[in-house]
Amino acid sequence: MNVDPVANFIKYDFTITEDLCKQFITVVTGVLVFSLTFSEKIISFSTAKKSFRILLGISWASMLFAIIACGLGLTYICIAGGQAVYGGEGYPIAAWTSYKWITAAGISLD
């Protein structure tokens, strides 16, 4: 049985990673928007202690970084998919770069 690595990459790795990125970006963006919208009700932002405002600002910054990093991961996985489909040999490098950005996005929310 001869397994084509490019076909497997497109069928499994590319498809699953692309869906994961889109869902991750959607969820993190929703949480960020919800948090920004209701920041006054969550901690009474204008009257809260400076440490709470700083902590909330850091969490917003990490969510923004996660969105950007996952967007870069999505970009690289799309580049890898295009390279795989059209015969480029560099698709594994672009895929690994994508995985690194996606991992950074997930770690930033820990």
Protein backbone atom coordinates (compact mmCIF):
# COMPACT_ATOMS: atom_id res chain seq x y z
CA MET A 1 0.00 0.00 0.00
CA ASN A 2 1.55 3.25 -1.19
CA VAL A 3 0.56 6.26 0.93
CA ASP A 4 0.89 9.70 -0.63
CA PRO A 5 2.10 12.13 2.08
CA VAL A 6 0.80 15.16 0.19
CA ALA A 7 -2.69 13.69 -0.09
CA ASN A 8 -2.65 12.79 3.60
CA PHE A 9 -1.48 16.29 4.49
CA ILE A 10 -4.30 17.91 2.51
CA LYS A 11 -6.92 15.45 3.71
CA TYR A 12 -6.06 15.49 7.42
CA ASP A 13 -3.43 17.97 8.61
CA PHE A 14 -4.45 20.95 6.51
CA THR A 15 -8.20 20.54 6.97
CA ILE A 16 -8.12 19.95 10.71
CA THR A 17 -5.61 22.72 11.40
CA GLU A 18 -7.54 25.23 9.31
CA ASP A 19 -10.79 24.44 11.14
CA LEU A 20 -9.06 24.58 14.52
CA CYS A 21 -7.63 28.02 13.77
CA LYS A 22 -10.93 29.44 12.59
CA GLN A 23 -12.75 28.17 15.67
CA PHE A 24 -10.01 29.34 18.04
CA ILE A 25 -10.00 32.82 16.53
CA THR A 26 -13.80 33.00 16.76
CA VAL A 27 -13.89 31.97 20.42
CA VAL A 28 -11.02 34.19 21.56
CA THR A 29 -12.40 37.18 19.64
CA GLY A 30 -15.82 36.64 21.22
CA VAL A 31 -14.35 36.46 24.72
CA LEU A 32 -12.24 39.57 24.09
CA VAL A 33 -15.19 41.58 22.76
CA PHE A 34 -17.41 40.40 25.63
CA SER A 35 -14.72 41.34 28.15
CA LEU A 36 -14.17 44.77 26.59
CA THR A 37 -17.90 45.46 26.37
CA PHE A 38 -18.66 44.54 29.95
CA SER A 39 -15.38 45.63 31.61
CA GLU A 40 -17.25 48.24 33.63
CA LYS A 41 -19.61 45.62 35.00
CA ILE A 42 -16.94 42.97 35.54
CA ILE A 43 -14.61 45.00 37.79
CA SER A 44 -16.00 48.57 37.76
CA PHE A 45 -13.06 49.50 35.58
CA SER A 46 -13.08 53.24 36.34
CA THR A 47 -13.01 52.73 40.14
CA ALA A 48 -11.05 49.46 40.35
CA LYS A 49 -7.63 49.18 41.93
CA LYS A 50 -4.71 49.77 39.62
CA SER A 51 -3.57 46.15 40.00
CA PHE A 52 -6.95 44.86 38.73
CA ARG A 53 -6.87 47.22 35.75
CA ILE A 54 -3.33 46.12 34.94
CA LEU A 55 -4.32 42.45 35.21
CA LEU A 56 -7.30 42.97 32.92
CA GLY A 57 -5.09 44.89 30.45
CA ILE A 58 -2.58 42.03 30.42
CA SER A 59 -5.36 39.53 29.76
CA TRP A 60 -6.66 41.67 26.88
CA ALA A 61 -3.14 41.91 25.45
CA SER A 62 -2.66 38.14 25.68
CA MET A 63 -6.00 37.55 23.92
CA LEU A 64 -5.00 40.01 21.20
CA PHE A 65 -1.66 38.24 20.82
CA ALA A 66 -3.47 34.87 20.62
CA ILE A 67 -5.71 36.18 17.83
CA ILE A 68 -2.73 37.53 15.88
CA ALA A 69 -0.62 34.39 16.43
CA CYS A 70 -3.43 32.07 15.39
CA GLY A 71 -4.07 34.29 12.34
CA LEU A 72 -0.42 33.86 11.39
CA GLY A 73 -0.77 30.11 11.96
CA LEU A 74 -3.80 30.06 9.66
CA THR A 75 -1.86 32.02 7.04
CA TYR A 76 1.06 29.60 7.14
CA ILE A 77 -1.14 26.50 6.98
CA CYS A 78 -2.87 27.98 3.91
CA ILE A 79 0.53 28.62 2.33
CA ALA A 80 1.52 25.02 3.11
CA GLY A 81 -1.72 23.74 1.58
CA GLY A 82 -1.12 25.75 -1.59
CA GLN A 83 2.45 24.50 -1.83
CA ALA A 84 1.33 20.90 -1.33
CA VAL A 85 -1.42 21.12 -3.95
CA TYR A 86 0.70 22.88 -6.56
CA GLY A 87 3.83 20.77 -6.13
CA GLY A 88 5.96 22.90 -3.86
CA GLU A 89 8.38 20.90 -1.76
CA GLY A 90 8.47 23.40 1.11
CA TYR A 91 5.04 22.65 2.51
CA PRO A 92 6.34 20.80 5.62
CA ILE A 93 8.35 23.86 6.65
CA ALA A 94 5.35 26.16 6.28
CA ALA A 95 3.19 23.64 8.16
CA TRP A 96 5.64 23.46 11.08
CA THR A 97 5.80 27.25 11.18
CA SER A 98 2.02 27.24 11.36
CA TYR A 99 2.04 24.75 14.24
CA LYS A 100 4.55 26.90 16.14
CA TRP A 101 2.35 30.00 15.85
CA ILE A 102 -0.77 28.05 16.86
CA THR A 103 1.05 26.65 19.87
CA ALA A 104 2.21 30.16 20.84
CA ALA A 105 -1.38 31.36 20.60
CA GLY A 106 -2.56 28.63 22.95
CA ILE A 107 0.27 29.15 25.42
CA SER A 108 -0.41 32.89 25.61
CA LEU A 109 -3.82 32.16 27.12
CA ASP A 110 -2.49 29.94 29.91
